[in-house]
Amino acid sequence: MKKRDLRSMANQTAKAAGTPPENMEGETRRLEDMAAQFSGKSQQELMSELMRRSAQKKADGSLSSESLENFFKSAAPMLTPEQRRNMRKLIDQIK
């Protein structure tokens, strides 16, 4: 994902969460750090980590179906049709 796409996604996510504009740069940095952390991982490694983190977040109540749908809606415009289909499948698995 290009840097400007991460910035746009961070801004959309932060706005949707009601984050003040002065804190949006921190959200952008968080997403860039996360992207760097996962670069070079295999698809299997990424899927395992996604499912592990999702289970943790669901267990502690910080991940809901609504938040997944909101994420999908904010990210979908930046994705190709194939990426959107894949993301939809992932979200359905996580739910």
N, C-alpha and C. Protein backbone atom coordinates (compact mmCIF):
# COMPACT_ATOMS: atom_id res chain seq x y z
N MET A 1 0.85 -1.17 0.00
CA MET A 1 0.00 0.00 0.00
C MET A 1 0.89 1.23 0.00
N LYS A 2 0.59 2.19 -0.81
CA LYS A 2 1.40 3.39 -0.90
C LYS A 2 1.22 4.24 0.35
N LYS A 3 2.26 5.05 0.62
CA LYS A 3 2.23 5.89 1.81
C LYS A 3 1.02 6.80 1.83
N ARG A 4 0.70 7.40 0.70
CA ARG A 4 -0.44 8.32 0.69
C ARG A 4 -1.75 7.57 0.94
N ASP A 5 -1.81 6.29 0.55
CA ASP A 5 -2.99 5.50 0.84
C ASP A 5 -3.11 5.25 2.35
N LEU A 6 -1.99 4.97 2.99
CA LEU A 6 -2.00 4.78 4.44
C LEU A 6 -2.43 6.07 5.14
N ARG A 7 -1.93 7.19 4.65
CA ARG A 7 -2.29 8.48 5.25
C ARG A 7 -3.78 8.72 5.09
N SER A 8 -4.31 8.46 3.91
CA SER A 8 -5.74 8.64 3.67
C SER A 8 -6.56 7.71 4.56
N MET A 9 -6.13 6.45 4.65
CA MET A 9 -6.84 5.48 5.48
C MET A 9 -6.79 5.88 6.95
N ALA A 10 -5.64 6.35 7.40
CA ALA A 10 -5.51 6.78 8.79
C ALA A 10 -6.42 7.96 9.07
N ASN A 11 -6.47 8.90 8.14
CA ASN A 11 -7.34 10.06 8.33
C ASN A 11 -8.80 9.66 8.38
N GLN A 12 -9.22 8.76 7.50
CA GLN A 12 -10.61 8.30 7.50
C GLN A 12 -10.93 7.56 8.80
N THR A 13 -10.02 6.70 9.23
CA THR A 13 -10.23 5.94 10.46
C THR A 13 -10.31 6.87 11.66
N ALA A 14 -9.39 7.81 11.72
CA ALA A 14 -9.36 8.74 12.85
C ALA A 14 -10.60 9.63 12.87
N LYS A 15 -11.03 10.11 11.72
CA LYS A 15 -12.24 10.94 11.65
C LYS A 15 -13.46 10.14 12.09
N ALA A 16 -13.56 8.90 11.61
CA ALA A 16 -14.71 8.06 11.97
C ALA A 16 -14.74 7.78 13.47
N ALA A 17 -13.56 7.72 14.08
CA ALA A 17 -13.48 7.45 15.52
C ALA A 17 -13.60 8.72 16.35
N GLY A 18 -13.71 9.87 15.66
CA GLY A 18 -13.82 11.14 16.38
C GLY A 18 -12.50 11.64 16.92
N THR A 19 -11.40 11.19 16.33
CA THR A 19 -10.08 11.62 16.76
C THR A 19 -9.85 13.07 16.35
N PRO A 20 -9.37 13.90 17.27
CA PRO A 20 -9.08 15.29 16.92
C PRO A 20 -8.03 15.36 15.81
N PRO A 21 -8.12 16.36 14.93
CA PRO A 21 -7.17 16.47 13.81
C PRO A 21 -5.71 16.45 14.24
N GLU A 22 -5.39 17.01 15.40
CA GLU A 22 -4.00 17.04 15.84
C GLU A 22 -3.46 15.65 16.17
N ASN A 23 -4.33 14.67 16.38
CA ASN A 23 -3.89 13.30 16.69
C ASN A 23 -3.85 12.40 15.45
N MET A 24 -4.26 12.90 14.30
CA MET A 24 -4.31 12.07 13.10
C MET A 24 -2.93 11.67 12.61
N GLU A 25 -1.93 12.51 12.82
CA GLU A 25 -0.57 12.15 12.41
C GLU A 25 -0.10 10.92 13.17
N GLY A 26 -0.47 10.80 14.43
CA GLY A 26 -0.11 9.63 15.21
C GLY A 26 -0.74 8.36 14.65
N GLU A 27 -1.98 8.47 14.18
CA GLU A 27 -2.66 7.32 13.57
C GLU A 27 -1.95 6.90 12.29
N THR A 28 -1.52 7.89 11.51
CA THR A 28 -0.78 7.60 10.28
C THR A 28 0.52 6.86 10.61
N ARG A 29 1.26 7.35 11.59
CA ARG A 29 2.51 6.70 11.98
C ARG A 29 2.26 5.28 12.48
N ARG A 30 1.19 5.09 13.22
CA ARG A 30 0.85 3.76 13.74
C ARG A 30 0.62 2.79 12.59
N LEU A 31 -0.12 3.22 11.56
CA LEU A 31 -0.38 2.35 10.41
C LEU A 31 0.88 2.08 9.62
N GLU A 32 1.74 3.10 9.46
CA GLU A 32 3.00 2.90 8.75
C GLU A 32 3.90 1.92 9.50
N ASP A 33 3.95 2.04 10.82
CA ASP A 33 4.75 1.11 11.63
C ASP A 33 4.22 -0.31 11.51
N MET A 34 2.90 -0.44 11.52
CA MET A 34 2.29 -1.76 11.41
C MET A 34 2.59 -2.37 10.04
N ALA A 35 2.51 -1.56 8.98
CA ALA A 35 2.82 -2.07 7.64
C ALA A 35 4.27 -2.54 7.57
N ALA A 36 5.18 -1.78 8.16
CA ALA A 36 6.59 -2.16 8.16
C ALA A 36 6.81 -3.46 8.95
N GLN A 37 6.10 -3.61 10.05
CA GLN A 37 6.24 -4.80 10.89
C GLN A 37 5.87 -6.07 10.12
N PHE A 38 4.91 -5.97 9.23
CA PHE A 38 4.42 -7.15 8.53
C PHE A 38 5.00 -7.33 7.14
N SER A 39 5.79 -6.39 6.67
CA SER A 39 6.37 -6.54 5.34
C SER A 39 7.33 -7.73 5.34
N GLY A 40 7.34 -8.45 4.26
CA GLY A 40 8.22 -9.60 4.15
C GLY A 40 7.66 -10.89 4.74
N LYS A 41 6.51 -10.83 5.37
CA LYS A 41 5.89 -12.04 5.94
C LYS A 41 5.15 -12.79 4.84
N SER A 42 5.08 -14.09 4.99
CA SER A 42 4.32 -14.91 4.04
C SER A 42 2.83 -14.72 4.28
N GLN A 43 2.04 -15.12 3.31
CA GLN A 43 0.59 -15.02 3.48
C GLN A 43 0.12 -15.86 4.66
N GLN A 44 0.69 -17.02 4.84
CA GLN A 44 0.33 -17.89 5.97
C GLN A 44 0.67 -17.22 7.30
N GLU A 45 1.84 -16.60 7.38
CA GLU A 45 2.23 -15.91 8.61
C GLU A 45 1.28 -14.75 8.90
N LEU A 46 0.92 -14.01 7.86
CA LEU A 46 0.00 -12.89 8.03
C LEU A 46 -1.38 -13.36 8.49
N MET A 47 -1.86 -14.43 7.89
CA MET A 47 -3.18 -14.96 8.26
C MET A 47 -3.18 -15.45 9.71
N SER A 48 -2.13 -16.16 10.09
CA SER A 48 -2.04 -16.65 11.47
C SER A 48 -2.04 -15.50 12.46
N GLU A 49 -1.27 -14.47 12.17
CA GLU A 49 -1.20 -13.32 13.07
C GLU A 49 -2.53 -12.57 13.11
N LEU A 50 -3.17 -12.43 11.97
CA LEU A 50 -4.47 -11.76 11.91
C LEU A 50 -5.50 -12.50 12.76
N MET A 51 -5.57 -13.80 12.62
CA MET A 51 -6.53 -14.59 13.39
C MET A 51 -6.21 -14.56 14.88
N ARG A 52 -4.94 -14.61 15.23
CA ARG A 52 -4.53 -14.56 16.64
C ARG A 52 -4.93 -13.22 17.25
N ARG A 53 -4.60 -12.13 16.56
CA ARG A 53 -4.92 -10.80 17.09
C ARG A 53 -6.43 -10.57 17.13
N SER A 54 -7.13 -11.06 16.13
CA SER A 54 -8.59 -10.91 16.11
C SER A 54 -9.23 -11.62 17.28
N ALA A 55 -8.77 -12.83 17.56
CA ALA A 55 -9.31 -13.59 18.70
C ALA A 55 -9.06 -12.85 20.01
N GLN A 56 -7.88 -12.28 20.16
CA GLN A 56 -7.56 -11.51 21.37
C GLN A 56 -8.50 -10.32 21.50
N LYS A 57 -8.65 -9.58 20.41
CA LYS A 57 -9.49 -8.37 20.44
C LYS A 57 -10.96 -8.71 20.69
N LYS A 58 -11.43 -9.79 20.10
CA LYS A 58 -12.82 -10.20 20.35
C LYS A 58 -13.00 -10.59 21.81
N ALA A 59 -12.02 -11.30 22.36
CA ALA A 59 -12.10 -11.74 23.75
C ALA A 59 -12.10 -10.57 24.73
N ASP A 60 -11.34 -9.53 24.42
CA ASP A 60 -11.30 -8.39 25.35
C ASP A 60 -12.35 -7.32 25.02
N GLY A 61 -13.18 -7.62 24.02
CA GLY A 61 -14.29 -6.73 23.71
C GLY A 61 -13.94 -5.52 22.86
N SER A 62 -12.72 -5.48 22.33
CA SER A 62 -12.32 -4.30 21.55
C SER A 62 -12.48 -4.51 20.04
N LEU A 63 -13.06 -5.63 19.64
CA LEU A 63 -13.32 -5.87 18.21
C LEU A 63 -14.75 -6.35 18.07
N SER A 64 -15.49 -5.63 17.24
CA SER A 64 -16.89 -5.99 17.02
C SER A 64 -17.16 -6.11 15.53
N SER A 65 -18.27 -6.73 15.21
CA SER A 65 -18.69 -6.83 13.81
C SER A 65 -18.86 -5.44 13.21
N GLU A 66 -19.39 -4.53 14.01
CA GLU A 66 -19.60 -3.16 13.53
C GLU A 66 -18.27 -2.49 13.19
N SER A 67 -17.27 -2.65 14.03
CA SER A 67 -15.97 -2.03 13.75
C SER A 67 -15.32 -2.64 12.52
N LEU A 68 -15.49 -3.95 12.32
CA LEU A 68 -14.97 -4.60 11.12
C LEU A 68 -15.64 -4.04 9.87
N GLU A 69 -16.94 -3.87 9.94
CA GLU A 69 -17.67 -3.33 8.78
C GLU A 69 -17.26 -1.88 8.51
N ASN A 70 -17.06 -1.11 9.56
CA ASN A 70 -16.61 0.28 9.37
C ASN A 70 -15.23 0.32 8.72
N PHE A 71 -14.35 -0.58 9.16
CA PHE A 71 -13.03 -0.66 8.55
C PHE A 71 -13.14 -1.02 7.08
N PHE A 72 -13.96 -2.00 6.77
CA PHE A 72 -14.14 -2.42 5.38
C PHE A 72 -14.62 -1.24 4.53
N LYS A 73 -15.60 -0.51 5.03
CA LYS A 73 -16.14 0.62 4.28
C LYS A 73 -15.10 1.71 4.05
N SER A 74 -14.23 1.93 5.02
CA SER A 74 -13.22 2.98 4.85
C SER A 74 -12.07 2.53 3.95
N ALA A 75 -11.74 1.23 3.96
CA ALA A 75 -10.62 0.73 3.16
C ALA A 75 -11.02 0.35 1.74
N ALA A 76 -12.25 -0.07 1.54
CA ALA A 76 -12.69 -0.60 0.24
C ALA A 76 -12.42 0.32 -0.94
N PRO A 77 -12.61 1.62 -0.83
CA PRO A 77 -12.36 2.48 -2.00
C PRO A 77 -10.91 2.48 -2.48
N MET A 78 -9.98 2.08 -1.63
CA MET A 78 -8.56 2.06 -2.01
C MET A 78 -8.13 0.70 -2.56
N LEU A 79 -9.04 -0.25 -2.60
CA LEU A 79 -8.70 -1.62 -2.99
C LEU A 79 -9.20 -1.95 -4.38
N THR A 80 -8.53 -2.91 -5.00
CA THR A 80 -9.01 -3.43 -6.28
C THR A 80 -10.20 -4.34 -5.99
N PRO A 81 -10.99 -4.68 -7.01
CA PRO A 81 -12.10 -5.61 -6.77
C PRO A 81 -11.65 -6.93 -6.14
N GLU A 82 -10.52 -7.46 -6.57
CA GLU A 82 -10.03 -8.72 -5.99
C GLU A 82 -9.65 -8.52 -4.52
N GLN A 83 -9.00 -7.42 -4.20
CA GLN A 83 -8.63 -7.14 -2.81
C GLN A 83 -9.88 -6.97 -1.95
N ARG A 84 -10.90 -6.32 -2.49
CA ARG A 84 -12.16 -6.17 -1.73
C ARG A 84 -12.79 -7.52 -1.45
N ARG A 85 -12.80 -8.41 -2.45
CA ARG A 85 -13.35 -9.76 -2.23
C ARG A 85 -12.57 -10.49 -1.15
N ASN A 86 -11.25 -10.40 -1.21
CA ASN A 86 -10.41 -11.07 -0.21
C ASN A 86 -10.64 -10.49 1.18
N MET A 87 -10.75 -9.17 1.26
CA MET A 87 -11.00 -8.55 2.56
C MET A 87 -12.36 -8.97 3.09
N ARG A 88 -13.35 -9.04 2.23
CA ARG A 88 -14.69 -9.45 2.66
C ARG A 88 -14.64 -10.85 3.24
N LYS A 89 -13.91 -11.77 2.57
CA LYS A 89 -13.77 -13.13 3.07
C LYS A 89 -13.10 -13.16 4.44
N LEU A 90 -12.04 -12.37 4.60
CA LEU A 90 -11.33 -12.31 5.88
C LEU A 90 -12.24 -11.80 6.99
N ILE A 91 -12.95 -10.74 6.71
CA ILE A 91 -13.84 -10.18 7.72
C ILE A 91 -14.92 -11.19 8.11
N ASP A 92 -15.44 -11.88 7.13
CA ASP A 92 -16.46 -12.90 7.43
C ASP A 92 -15.88 -14.03 8.28
N GLN A 93 -14.62 -14.40 8.04
CA GLN A 93 -13.97 -15.44 8.85
C GLN A 93 -13.75 -14.95 10.28
N ILE A 94 -13.38 -13.71 10.42
CA ILE A 94 -13.09 -13.15 11.76
C ILE A 94 -14.36 -13.04 12.58
N LYS A 95 -15.45 -12.66 11.93
CA LYS A 95 -16.71 -12.50 12.65
C LYS A 95 -17.10 -13.83 13.27
